[in-house]
Amino acid sequence: MSTRTQPGGTFPLGDRQVARIGYGAGRLDQHAADPSAGVAVLHAARALGVDHVDTAQFYGDGVANDIIRRAFGDSADVAIVSKVGAERVDAPVPITPAQRPAQLRAQVEDNLRTLGRERLDVVNLRRLDTGPGLRAQGDQVVDIEDQLAELAALRDAGVIGAIGLSGIDLSTLRRSLPVGIACVQNAFSVLSRDDEELFAACRDEGIAWVPFWPLGGSLPPGVGNAITRFPPVRDDETVRAIAAELNATPAQVGLAWLLGHGPNVLVIPGTASVDHLAQNIEVGALELTAEHTRRLDDVWSAKA
């Protein structure tokens, strides 16, 4: 058992009790030419108490997974969370849906191979029902029950530890609850809160809420549906004003708001920089006052 402080406190993720501040590996492919630099970022994260890493085989076509393998091998000291439901392709839009059960199993196997592991702690099914990104068509439109049956079989076989969901609506969550859901990942930030009802359901069920694009984000032109951009938190005037009052960065304020929004929230900010990594970890000690929270909530109320 590690004696490191777990930043932000802890919450269950599958069968693990993890720090509420993790690491999102989406930017590790920036170190494709020098994997040792990416390994250094991961080692720094672990030294600061991060004990779960969120990745995907399609991050850099296996680059992120390879760097994670180099950093941690098959050590159980760090929980590894990956996702399935899309595949990398050689095309102008480099990601395509891969939703059929056999494809999900193949993606789990690819993740295990490139990560050098025999087991993934959590596998998130990236559904294509809502939010930014791809949409399923044709034979890629698959019932959630069929997908969960495949993932449950892998869980029963000990290949994965727990099942998560991403890009879902409240109806899909309710249909999935009998299988056992460890976490939900939807786009969500202080400025993008359309999924408040889904978040509340996860909180009530004790399911970890792990927002992607916690500071806003965007997709390249031509990818997915028309909803391709969520407003950048760093640019909001209220966020910036509160950051100045707290001697913090706007990004830190956005992450602190998320951690304060509910005890089940885990944040997985990604960075290729050790300096930015340290700033992300410092959020665990940043406290917003009730007045700060009210002002931030008012920003969303004005937009809604």
C-alpha atoms as a PDB file:
ATOM      1  CA  MET A   1       0.000   0.000   0.000  1.00  0.00           C
ATOM      2  CA  SER A   2       1.391   3.404  -0.974  1.00  0.00           C
ATOM      3  CA  THR A   3       2.019   5.980   1.742  1.00  0.00           C
ATOM      4  CA  ARG A   4       1.803   8.907  -0.691  1.00  0.00           C
ATOM      5  CA  THR A   5      -0.802  11.559  -0.058  1.00  0.00           C
ATOM      6  CA  GLN A   6      -3.720  11.130  -2.439  1.00  0.00           C
ATOM      7  CA  PRO A   7      -4.498  14.596  -3.850  1.00  0.00           C
ATOM      8  CA  GLY A   8      -8.042  15.840  -3.436  1.00  0.00           C
ATOM      9  CA  GLY A   9      -9.038  13.000  -1.117  1.00  0.00           C
ATOM     10  CA  THR A  10     -10.308   9.665  -2.408  1.00  0.00           C
ATOM     11  CA  PHE A  11     -13.316   7.965  -3.963  1.00  0.00           C
ATOM     12  CA  PRO A  12     -13.937   4.380  -5.134  1.00  0.00           C
ATOM     13  CA  LEU A  13     -13.175   3.567  -8.762  1.00  0.00           C
ATOM     14  CA  GLY A  14     -14.139  -0.024  -9.370  1.00  0.00           C
ATOM     15  CA  ASP A  15     -12.510  -2.048  -6.602  1.00  0.00           C
ATOM     16  CA  ARG A  16      -9.887   0.638  -5.953  1.00  0.00           C
ATOM     17  CA  GLN A  17      -9.934   3.653  -3.646  1.00  0.00           C
ATOM     18  CA  VAL A  18      -8.157   6.276  -5.728  1.00  0.00           C
ATOM     19  CA  ALA A  19      -7.097   9.902  -5.461  1.00  0.00           C
ATOM     20  CA  ARG A  20      -9.718  12.287  -6.785  1.00  0.00           C
ATOM     21  CA  ILE A  21      -7.066  13.876  -9.019  1.00  0.00           C
ATOM     22  CA  GLY A  22      -5.799  11.493 -11.677  1.00  0.00           C
ATOM     23  CA  TYR A  23      -4.005  11.865 -14.981  1.00  0.00           C
ATOM     24  CA  GLY A  24      -5.518  11.878 -18.467  1.00  0.00           C
ATOM     25  CA  ALA A  25      -3.101  10.468 -21.035  1.00  0.00           C
ATOM     26  CA  GLY A  26      -4.565  12.169 -24.107  1.00  0.00           C
ATOM     27  CA  ARG A  27      -1.526  14.442 -24.511  1.00  0.00           C
ATOM     28  CA  LEU A  28       1.176  11.835 -24.032  1.00  0.00           C
ATOM     29  CA  ASP A  29       1.436  11.379 -27.798  1.00  0.00           C
ATOM     30  CA  GLN A  30       3.237  14.739 -27.841  1.00  0.00           C
ATOM     31  CA  HIS A  31       6.198  12.723 -26.545  1.00  0.00           C
ATOM     32  CA  ALA A  32       6.099  10.171 -29.364  1.00  0.00           C
ATOM     33  CA  ALA A  33       9.588  11.172 -30.555  1.00  0.00           C
ATOM     34  CA  ASP A  34      11.002  11.013 -27.018  1.00  0.00           C
ATOM     35  CA  PRO A  35       9.056   8.535 -24.879  1.00  0.00           C
ATOM     36  CA  SER A  36      11.406   9.118 -21.954  1.00  0.00           C
ATOM     37  CA  ALA A  37       9.966  12.623 -21.572  1.00  0.00           C
ATOM     38  CA  GLY A  38       6.486  11.155 -21.273  1.00  0.00           C
ATOM     39  CA  VAL A  39       7.738   8.612 -18.767  1.00  0.00           C
ATOM     40  CA  ALA A  40       9.164  11.492 -16.723  1.00  0.00           C
ATOM     41  CA  VAL A  41       5.734  13.166 -16.618  1.00  0.00           C
ATOM     42  CA  LEU A  42       4.099   9.949 -15.414  1.00  0.00           C
ATOM     43  CA  HIS A  43       6.752   9.346 -12.784  1.00  0.00           C
ATOM     44  CA  ALA A  44       6.308  12.917 -11.551  1.00  0.00           C
ATOM     45  CA  ALA A  45       2.539  12.368 -11.368  1.00  0.00           C
ATOM     46  CA  ARG A  46       3.017   9.230  -9.299  1.00  0.00           C
ATOM     47  CA  ALA A  47       5.455  11.009  -6.972  1.00  0.00           C
ATOM     48  CA  LEU A  48       2.767  13.657  -6.387  1.00  0.00           C
ATOM     49  CA  GLY A  49       0.213  11.034  -5.384  1.00  0.00           C
ATOM     50  CA  VAL A  50      -1.621  10.318  -8.651  1.00  0.00           C
ATOM     51  CA  ASP A  51      -2.659   6.676  -8.621  1.00  0.00           C
ATOM     52  CA  HIS A  52      -4.938   6.316 -11.656  1.00  0.00           C
ATOM     53  CA  VAL A  53      -4.272   7.011 -15.318  1.00  0.00           C
ATOM     54  CA  ASP A  54      -6.946   7.313 -17.985  1.00  0.00           C
ATOM     55  CA  THR A  55      -5.906   6.249 -21.476  1.00  0.00           C
ATOM     56  CA  ALA A  56      -7.085   4.677 -24.749  1.00  0.00           C
ATOM     57  CA  GLN A  57      -5.474   2.620 -27.470  1.00  0.00           C
ATOM     58  CA  PHE A  58      -6.426   5.289 -30.011  1.00  0.00           C
ATOM     59  CA  TYR A  59      -4.455   8.006 -28.179  1.00  0.00           C
ATOM     60  CA  GLY A  60      -1.658   8.424 -30.679  1.00  0.00           C
ATOM     61  CA  ASP A  61      -2.389   4.979 -32.136  1.00  0.00           C
ATOM     62  CA  GLY A  62      -0.902   3.214 -29.126  1.00  0.00           C
ATOM     63  CA  VAL A  63       1.734   5.835 -28.281  1.00  0.00           C
ATOM     64  CA  ALA A  64       0.169   6.810 -24.947  1.00  0.00           C
ATOM     65  CA  ASN A  65      -0.235   3.179 -23.910  1.00  0.00           C
ATOM     66  CA  ASP A  66       3.380   2.424 -24.804  1.00  0.00           C
ATOM     67  CA  ILE A  67       4.624   5.311 -22.643  1.00  0.00           C
ATOM     68  CA  ILE A  68       2.425   4.134 -19.748  1.00  0.00           C
ATOM     69  CA  ARG A  69       3.897   0.622 -20.153  1.00  0.00           C
ATOM     70  CA  ARG A  70       7.409   2.051 -20.036  1.00  0.00           C
ATOM     71  CA  ALA A  71       6.576   4.059 -16.911  1.00  0.00           C
ATOM     72  CA  PHE A  72       4.672   1.510 -14.842  1.00  0.00           C
ATOM     73  CA  GLY A  73       4.913  -1.897 -16.482  1.00  0.00           C
ATOM     74  CA  ASP A  74       2.363  -4.250 -14.985  1.00  0.00           C
ATOM     75  CA  SER A  75       2.603  -2.718 -11.492  1.00  0.00           C
ATOM     76  CA  ALA A  76      -0.634  -2.721  -9.520  1.00  0.00           C
ATOM     77  CA  ASP A  77       0.466   0.498  -7.789  1.00  0.00           C
ATOM     78  CA  VAL A  78      -1.366   2.554 -10.419  1.00  0.00           C
ATOM     79  CA  ALA A  79      -4.905   1.865 -11.620  1.00  0.00           C
ATOM     80  CA  ILE A  80      -5.171   1.886 -15.408  1.00  0.00           C
ATOM     81  CA  VAL A  81      -8.456   2.972 -16.988  1.00  0.00           C
ATOM     82  CA  SER A  82      -8.945   2.632 -20.723  1.00  0.00           C
ATOM     83  CA  LYS A  83     -11.834   2.981 -23.129  1.00  0.00           C
ATOM     84  CA  VAL A  84     -13.322   1.133 -26.047  1.00  0.00           C
ATOM     85  CA  GLY A  85     -15.896   1.960 -28.702  1.00  0.00           C
ATOM     86  CA  ALA A  86     -13.727   3.621 -31.355  1.00  0.00           C
ATOM     87  CA  GLU A  87     -10.682   2.703 -33.411  1.00  0.00           C
ATOM     88  CA  ARG A  88      -7.857   4.589 -35.039  1.00  0.00           C
ATOM     89  CA  VAL A  89      -7.949   4.642 -38.853  1.00  0.00           C
ATOM     90  CA  ASP A  90      -5.728   6.084 -41.543  1.00  0.00           C
ATOM     91  CA  ALA A  91      -8.107   8.730 -42.842  1.00  0.00           C
ATOM     92  CA  PRO A  92      -8.626  12.507 -42.691  1.00  0.00           C
ATOM     93  CA  VAL A  93     -10.808  11.878 -39.635  1.00  0.00           C
ATOM     94  CA  PRO A  94      -8.558   9.390 -37.789  1.00  0.00           C
ATOM     95  CA  ILE A  95     -11.175   7.863 -35.469  1.00  0.00           C
ATOM     96  CA  THR A  96     -14.094   5.659 -36.439  1.00  0.00           C
ATOM     97  CA  PRO A  97     -16.812   3.980 -34.360  1.00  0.00           C
ATOM     98  CA  ALA A  98     -16.165   0.384 -33.298  1.00  0.00           C
ATOM     99  CA  GLN A  99     -19.216  -0.515 -31.238  1.00  0.00           C
ATOM    100  CA  ARG A 100     -19.939  -4.168 -32.030  1.00  0.00           C
ATOM    101  CA  PRO A 101     -19.267  -6.605 -29.155  1.00  0.00           C
ATOM    102  CA  ALA A 102     -16.497  -8.440 -31.019  1.00  0.00           C
ATOM    103  CA  GLN A 103     -14.816  -5.104 -31.704  1.00  0.00           C
ATOM    104  CA  LEU A 104     -15.028  -4.157 -28.037  1.00  0.00           C
ATOM    105  CA  ARG A 105     -13.313  -7.400 -27.063  1.00  0.00           C
ATOM    106  CA  ALA A 106     -10.600  -6.844 -29.672  1.00  0.00           C
ATOM    107  CA  GLN A 107      -9.990  -3.326 -28.353  1.00  0.00           C
ATOM    108  CA  VAL A 108      -9.612  -4.627 -24.807  1.00  0.00           C
ATOM    109  CA  GLU A 109      -7.058  -7.122 -26.102  1.00  0.00           C
ATOM    110  CA  ASP A 110      -5.192  -4.358 -27.966  1.00  0.00           C
ATOM    111  CA  ASN A 111      -5.072  -2.251 -24.807  1.00  0.00           C
ATOM    112  CA  LEU A 112      -3.720  -5.151 -22.787  1.00  0.00           C
ATOM    113  CA  ARG A 113      -1.030  -5.803 -25.400  1.00  0.00           C
ATOM    114  CA  THR A 114       0.219  -2.227 -25.733  1.00  0.00           C
ATOM    115  CA  LEU A 115       0.022  -1.592 -21.977  1.00  0.00           C
ATOM    116  CA  GLY A 116       1.815  -4.849 -21.202  1.00  0.00           C
ATOM    117  CA  ARG A 117      -0.852  -5.933 -18.732  1.00  0.00           C
ATOM    118  CA  GLU A 118      -3.028  -8.939 -18.074  1.00  0.00           C
ATOM    119  CA  ARG A 119      -5.843  -6.896 -16.559  1.00  0.00           C
ATOM    120  CA  LEU A 120      -7.349  -3.419 -16.932  1.00  0.00           C
ATOM    121  CA  ASP A 121      -8.748  -1.925 -13.736  1.00  0.00           C
ATOM    122  CA  VAL A 122     -11.630  -0.192 -15.540  1.00  0.00           C
ATOM    123  CA  VAL A 123     -12.794  -0.190 -19.157  1.00  0.00           C
ATOM    124  CA  ASN A 124     -15.094   2.613 -20.253  1.00  0.00           C
ATOM    125  CA  LEU A 125     -17.520   1.909 -23.067  1.00  0.00           C
ATOM    126  CA  ARG A 126     -17.489   5.047 -25.200  1.00  0.00           C
ATOM    127  CA  ARG A 127     -21.085   5.104 -26.370  1.00  0.00           C
ATOM    128  CA  LEU A 128     -21.940   7.562 -29.119  1.00  0.00           C
ATOM    129  CA  ASP A 129     -25.347   8.678 -27.868  1.00  0.00           C
ATOM    130  CA  THR A 130     -24.689  12.238 -26.771  1.00  0.00           C
ATOM    131  CA  GLY A 131     -22.129  14.999 -26.380  1.00  0.00           C
ATOM    132  CA  PRO A 132     -19.342  15.958 -28.773  1.00  0.00           C
ATOM    133  CA  GLY A 133     -17.806  13.526 -31.216  1.00  0.00           C
ATOM    134  CA  LEU A 134     -18.736  10.573 -33.355  1.00  0.00           C
ATOM    135  CA  ARG A 135     -22.186   9.109 -33.928  1.00  0.00           C
ATOM    136  CA  ALA A 136     -22.895   5.474 -34.742  1.00  0.00           C
ATOM    137  CA  GLN A 137     -24.555   4.521 -38.027  1.00  0.00           C
ATOM    138  CA  GLY A 138     -25.528   1.298 -39.739  1.00  0.00           C
ATOM    139  CA  ASP A 139     -24.178  -1.854 -38.095  1.00  0.00           C
ATOM    140  CA  GLN A 140     -22.436   0.326 -35.515  1.00  0.00           C
ATOM    141  CA  VAL A 141     -25.772   1.030 -33.830  1.00  0.00           C
ATOM    142  CA  VAL A 142     -25.687  -1.629 -31.113  1.00  0.00           C
ATOM    143  CA  ASP A 143     -27.953  -2.208 -28.116  1.00  0.00           C
ATOM    144  CA  ILE A 144     -26.293  -1.283 -24.836  1.00  0.00           C
ATOM    145  CA  GLU A 145     -27.345  -4.642 -23.368  1.00  0.00           C
ATOM    146  CA  ASP A 146     -25.325  -6.544 -25.997  1.00  0.00           C
ATOM    147  CA  GLN A 147     -22.264  -4.388 -25.354  1.00  0.00           C
ATOM    148  CA  LEU A 148     -22.495  -4.726 -21.604  1.00  0.00           C
ATOM    149  CA  ALA A 149     -22.891  -8.489 -21.878  1.00  0.00           C
ATOM    150  CA  GLU A 150     -19.550  -8.674 -23.688  1.00  0.00           C
ATOM    151  CA  LEU A 151     -17.806  -6.451 -21.159  1.00  0.00           C
ATOM    152  CA  ALA A 152     -19.374  -8.334 -18.245  1.00  0.00           C
ATOM    153  CA  ALA A 153     -18.015 -11.587 -19.683  1.00  0.00           C
ATOM    154  CA  LEU A 154     -14.531 -10.032 -19.762  1.00  0.00           C
ATOM    155  CA  ARG A 155     -15.006  -8.854 -16.190  1.00  0.00           C
ATOM    156  CA  ASP A 156     -16.100 -12.317 -15.093  1.00  0.00           C
ATOM    157  CA  ALA A 157     -12.982 -13.729 -16.752  1.00  0.00           C
ATOM    158  CA  GLY A 158     -10.803 -11.341 -14.753  1.00  0.00           C
ATOM    159  CA  VAL A 159      -9.587  -9.460 -17.817  1.00  0.00           C
ATOM    160  CA  ILE A 160     -11.124  -6.185 -16.650  1.00  0.00           C
ATOM    161  CA  GLY A 161     -11.914  -5.105 -13.128  1.00  0.00           C
ATOM    162  CA  ALA A 162     -14.914  -2.856 -13.664  1.00  0.00           C
ATOM    163  CA  ILE A 163     -17.093  -1.297 -16.363  1.00  0.00           C
ATOM    164  CA  GLY A 164     -17.584   2.406 -17.012  1.00  0.00           C
ATOM    165  CA  LEU A 165     -19.622   4.364 -19.537  1.00  0.00           C
ATOM    166  CA  SER A 166     -18.936   7.477 -21.576  1.00  0.00           C
ATOM    167  CA  GLY A 167     -21.027   9.643 -23.870  1.00  0.00           C
ATOM    168  CA  ILE A 168     -24.340   8.462 -22.446  1.00  0.00           C
ATOM    169  CA  ASP A 169     -27.690   9.878 -21.393  1.00  0.00           C
ATOM    170  CA  LEU A 170     -29.712   9.184 -18.257  1.00  0.00           C
ATOM    171  CA  SER A 171     -31.824   6.493 -19.912  1.00  0.00           C
ATOM    172  CA  THR A 172     -28.715   4.511 -20.883  1.00  0.00           C
ATOM    173  CA  LEU A 173     -27.345   4.756 -17.356  1.00  0.00           C
ATOM    174  CA  ARG A 174     -30.570   3.405 -15.891  1.00  0.00           C
ATOM    175  CA  ARG A 175     -30.586   0.480 -18.319  1.00  0.00           C
ATOM    176  CA  SER A 176     -26.966  -0.271 -17.376  1.00  0.00           C
ATOM    177  CA  LEU A 177     -27.215  -0.175 -13.586  1.00  0.00           C
ATOM    178  CA  PRO A 178     -28.031  -3.906 -13.138  1.00  0.00           C
ATOM    179  CA  VAL A 179     -24.642  -4.810 -14.655  1.00  0.00           C
ATOM    180  CA  GLY A 180     -22.740  -2.625 -12.187  1.00  0.00           C
ATOM    181  CA  ILE A 181     -21.211   0.659 -13.375  1.00  0.00           C
ATOM    182  CA  ALA A 182     -18.059   2.076 -11.783  1.00  0.00           C
ATOM    183  CA  CYS A 183     -17.880   5.466 -13.461  1.00  0.00           C
ATOM    184  CA  VAL A 184     -19.365   7.748 -16.093  1.00  0.00           C
ATOM    185  CA  GLN A 185     -17.357  10.036 -18.371  1.00  0.00           C
ATOM    186  CA  ASN A 186     -19.227  12.810 -20.163  1.00  0.00           C
ATOM    187  CA  ALA A 187     -18.111  16.269 -21.228  1.00  0.00           C
ATOM    188  CA  PHE A 188     -18.750  18.512 -18.238  1.00  0.00           C
ATOM    189  CA  SER A 189     -17.289  21.685 -16.777  1.00  0.00           C
ATOM    190  CA  VAL A 190     -18.287  24.754 -14.776  1.00  0.00           C
ATOM    191  CA  LEU A 191     -19.381  26.298 -18.105  1.00  0.00           C
ATOM    192  CA  SER A 192     -20.935  23.151 -19.662  1.00  0.00           C
ATOM    193  CA  ARG A 193     -23.461  21.554 -17.333  1.00  0.00           C
ATOM    194  CA  ASP A 194     -26.184  20.073 -19.517  1.00  0.00           C
ATOM    195  CA  ASP A 195     -25.688  16.700 -17.807  1.00  0.00           C
ATOM    196  CA  GLU A 196     -26.509  17.861 -14.278  1.00  0.00           C
ATOM    197  CA  GLU A 197     -29.355  15.338 -13.983  1.00  0.00           C
ATOM    198  CA  LEU A 198     -27.063  12.508 -15.069  1.00  0.00           C
ATOM    199  CA  PHE A 199     -24.393  13.703 -12.636  1.00  0.00           C
ATOM    200  CA  ALA A 200     -26.934  13.713  -9.793  1.00  0.00           C
ATOM    201  CA  ALA A 201     -27.998  10.163 -10.624  1.00  0.00           C
ATOM    202  CA  CYS A 202     -24.366   9.027 -10.504  1.00  0.00           C
ATOM    203  CA  ARG A 203     -23.853  10.785  -7.180  1.00  0.00           C
ATOM    204  CA  ASP A 204     -26.925   9.108  -5.714  1.00  0.00           C
ATOM    205  CA  GLU A 205     -25.808   5.682  -6.983  1.00  0.00           C
ATOM    206  CA  GLY A 206     -22.236   6.094  -5.699  1.00  0.00           C
ATOM    207  CA  ILE A 207     -20.835   6.084  -9.246  1.00  0.00           C
ATOM    208  CA  ALA A 208     -17.675   8.057  -9.948  1.00  0.00           C
ATOM    209  CA  TRP A 209     -18.215  11.061 -12.247  1.00  0.00           C
ATOM    210  CA  VAL A 210     -15.074  11.590 -14.348  1.00  0.00           C
ATOM    211  CA  PRO A 211     -15.666  14.499 -16.736  1.00  0.00           C
ATOM    212  CA  PHE A 212     -13.711  14.773 -19.929  1.00  0.00           C
ATOM    213  CA  TRP A 213     -13.023  18.269 -21.258  1.00  0.00           C
ATOM    214  CA  PRO A 214     -13.126  19.557 -17.640  1.00  0.00           C
ATOM    215  CA  LEU A 215     -11.677  22.860 -18.883  1.00  0.00           C
ATOM    216  CA  GLY A 216     -13.549  22.976 -22.189  1.00  0.00           C
ATOM    217  CA  GLY A 217     -12.439  21.494 -25.471  1.00  0.00           C
ATOM    218  CA  SER A 218     -12.957  21.181 -29.174  1.00  0.00           C
ATOM    219  CA  LEU A 219     -12.802  18.709 -32.022  1.00  0.00           C
ATOM    220  CA  PRO A 220     -11.229  19.241 -35.436  1.00  0.00           C
ATOM    221  CA  PRO A 221     -13.583  20.253 -38.276  1.00  0.00           C
ATOM    222  CA  GLY A 222     -15.329  17.256 -39.775  1.00  0.00           C
ATOM    223  CA  VAL A 223     -15.228  15.102 -36.648  1.00  0.00           C
ATOM    224  CA  GLY A 224     -18.570  13.921 -35.370  1.00  0.00           C
ATOM    225  CA  ASN A 225     -21.670  15.979 -34.932  1.00  0.00           C
ATOM    226  CA  ALA A 226     -22.184  19.711 -34.988  1.00  0.00           C
ATOM    227  CA  ILE A 227     -21.463  20.016 -31.261  1.00  0.00           C
ATOM    228  CA  THR A 228     -17.694  20.255 -31.563  1.00  0.00           C
ATOM    229  CA  ARG A 229     -16.706  22.924 -29.043  1.00  0.00           C
ATOM    230  CA  PHE A 230     -17.271  23.456 -25.355  1.00  0.00           C
ATOM    231  CA  PRO A 231     -16.308  26.929 -24.083  1.00  0.00           C
ATOM    232  CA  PRO A 232     -12.798  27.237 -22.621  1.00  0.00           C
ATOM    233  CA  VAL A 233     -13.008  27.738 -18.866  1.00  0.00           C
ATOM    234  CA  ARG A 234      -9.729  29.688 -18.810  1.00  0.00           C
ATOM    235  CA  ASP A 235     -11.267  32.531 -20.850  1.00  0.00           C
ATOM    236  CA  ASP A 236     -14.321  33.197 -18.694  1.00  0.00           C
ATOM    237  CA  GLU A 237     -14.221  36.572 -16.936  1.00  0.00           C
ATOM    238  CA  THR A 238     -15.680  35.310 -13.656  1.00  0.00           C
ATOM    239  CA  VAL A 239     -13.294  32.371 -13.533  1.00  0.00           C
ATOM    240  CA  ARG A 240     -10.364  34.680 -14.197  1.00  0.00           C
ATOM    241  CA  ALA A 241     -11.489  37.150 -11.515  1.00  0.00           C
ATOM    242  CA  ILE A 242     -11.784  34.416  -8.887  1.00  0.00           C
ATOM    243  CA  ALA A 243      -8.402  33.028  -9.913  1.00  0.00           C
ATOM    244  CA  ALA A 244      -6.842  36.434  -9.293  1.00  0.00           C
ATOM    245  CA  GLU A 245      -8.500  36.650  -5.867  1.00  0.00           C
ATOM    246  CA  LEU A 246      -7.118  33.230  -4.904  1.00  0.00           C
ATOM    247  CA  ASN A 247      -3.681  33.702  -6.479  1.00  0.00           C
ATOM    248  CA  ALA A 248      -4.484  30.673  -8.618  1.00  0.00           C
ATOM    249  CA  THR A 249      -4.778  29.968 -12.324  1.00  0.00           C
ATOM    250  CA  PRO A 250      -8.136  29.907 -14.134  1.00  0.00           C
ATOM    251  CA  ALA A 251      -7.572  26.224 -14.862  1.00  0.00           C
ATOM    252  CA  GLN A 252      -7.130  25.539 -11.166  1.00  0.00           C
ATOM    253  CA  VAL A 253     -10.396  27.325 -10.385  1.00  0.00           C
ATOM    254  CA  GLY A 254     -12.241  25.243 -12.987  1.00  0.00           C
ATOM    255  CA  LEU A 255     -10.869  21.992 -11.569  1.00  0.00           C
ATOM    256  CA  ALA A 256     -11.512  23.078  -7.970  1.00  0.00           C
ATOM    257  CA  TRP A 257     -15.141  23.812  -8.847  1.00  0.00           C
ATOM    258  CA  LEU A 258     -15.508  20.272 -10.180  1.00  0.00           C
ATOM    259  CA  LEU A 259     -14.011  18.704  -7.058  1.00  0.00           C
ATOM    260  CA  GLY A 260     -16.362  20.787  -4.942  1.00  0.00           C
ATOM    261  CA  HIS A 261     -19.401  19.905  -7.026  1.00  0.00           C
ATOM    262  CA  GLY A 262     -19.766  16.448  -5.492  1.00  0.00           C
ATOM    263  CA  PRO A 263     -17.730  13.896  -3.503  1.00  0.00           C
ATOM    264  CA  ASN A 264     -17.932  11.419  -6.397  1.00  0.00           C
ATOM    265  CA  VAL A 265     -16.143  13.695  -8.893  1.00  0.00           C
ATOM    266  CA  LEU A 266     -12.720  12.583 -10.119  1.00  0.00           C
ATOM    267  CA  VAL A 267     -10.741  14.887 -12.392  1.00  0.00           C
ATOM    268  CA  ILE A 268      -8.223  13.629 -14.951  1.00  0.00           C
ATOM    269  CA  PRO A 269      -6.541  16.734 -16.399  1.00  0.00           C
ATOM    270  CA  GLY A 270      -3.969  15.908 -19.023  1.00  0.00           C
ATOM    271  CA  THR A 271      -0.689  17.661 -19.659  1.00  0.00           C
ATOM    272  CA  ALA A 272       2.639  16.999 -21.325  1.00  0.00           C
ATOM    273  CA  SER A 273       4.382  19.361 -18.881  1.00  0.00           C
ATOM    274  CA  VAL A 274       5.681  18.542 -15.409  1.00  0.00           C
ATOM    275  CA  ASP A 275       5.126  22.176 -14.355  1.00  0.00           C
ATOM    276  CA  HIS A 276       1.458  22.107 -15.375  1.00  0.00           C
ATOM    277  CA  LEU A 277       1.124  18.731 -13.714  1.00  0.00           C
ATOM    278  CA  ALA A 278       2.189  20.233 -10.383  1.00  0.00           C
ATOM    279  CA  GLN A 279      -0.393  23.005 -10.795  1.00  0.00           C
ATOM    280  CA  ASN A 280      -3.099  20.401 -11.387  1.00  0.00           C
ATOM    281  CA  ILE A 281      -2.180  18.513  -8.223  1.00  0.00           C
ATOM    282  CA  GLU A 282      -2.217  21.734  -6.171  1.00  0.00           C
ATOM    283  CA  VAL A 283      -5.960  21.975  -6.904  1.00  0.00           C
ATOM    284  CA  GLY A 284      -6.505  19.364  -4.204  1.00  0.00           C
ATOM    285  CA  ALA A 285      -5.680  22.025  -1.600  1.00  0.00           C
ATOM    286  CA  LEU A 286      -7.546  24.906  -3.278  1.00  0.00           C
ATOM    287  CA  GLU A 287     -10.821  25.750  -1.553  1.00  0.00           C
ATOM    288  CA  LEU A 288     -13.511  27.878  -3.119  1.00  0.00           C
ATOM    289  CA  THR A 289     -15.721  29.809  -0.743  1.00  0.00           C
ATOM    290  CA  ALA A 290     -19.502  29.597  -0.894  1.00  0.00           C
ATOM    291  CA  GLU A 291     -19.457  33.043  -2.507  1.00  0.00           C
ATOM    292  CA  HIS A 292     -17.005  31.888  -5.185  1.00  0.00           C
ATOM    293  CA  THR A 293     -19.211  28.901  -5.938  1.00  0.00           C
ATOM    294  CA  ARG A 294     -22.319  31.078  -6.139  1.00  0.00           C
ATOM    295  CA  ARG A 295     -20.641  33.408  -8.639  1.00  0.00           C
ATOM    296  CA  LEU A 296     -19.514  30.470 -10.765  1.00  0.00           C
ATOM    297  CA  ASP A 297     -22.964  28.897 -10.641  1.00  0.00           C
ATOM    298  CA  ASP A 298     -24.432  32.219 -11.753  1.00  0.00           C
ATOM    299  CA  VAL A 299     -22.324  32.052 -14.918  1.00  0.00           C
ATOM    300  CA  TRP A 300     -24.032  28.804 -15.913  1.00  0.00           C
ATOM    301  CA  SER A 301     -27.469  30.057 -14.859  1.00  0.00           C
ATOM    302  CA  ALA A 302     -27.025  33.051 -17.165  1.00  0.00           C
ATOM    303  CA  LYS A 303     -26.158  30.752 -20.088  1.00  0.00           C
ATOM    304  CA  ALA A 304     -28.865  28.162 -19.474  1.00  0.00           C
END
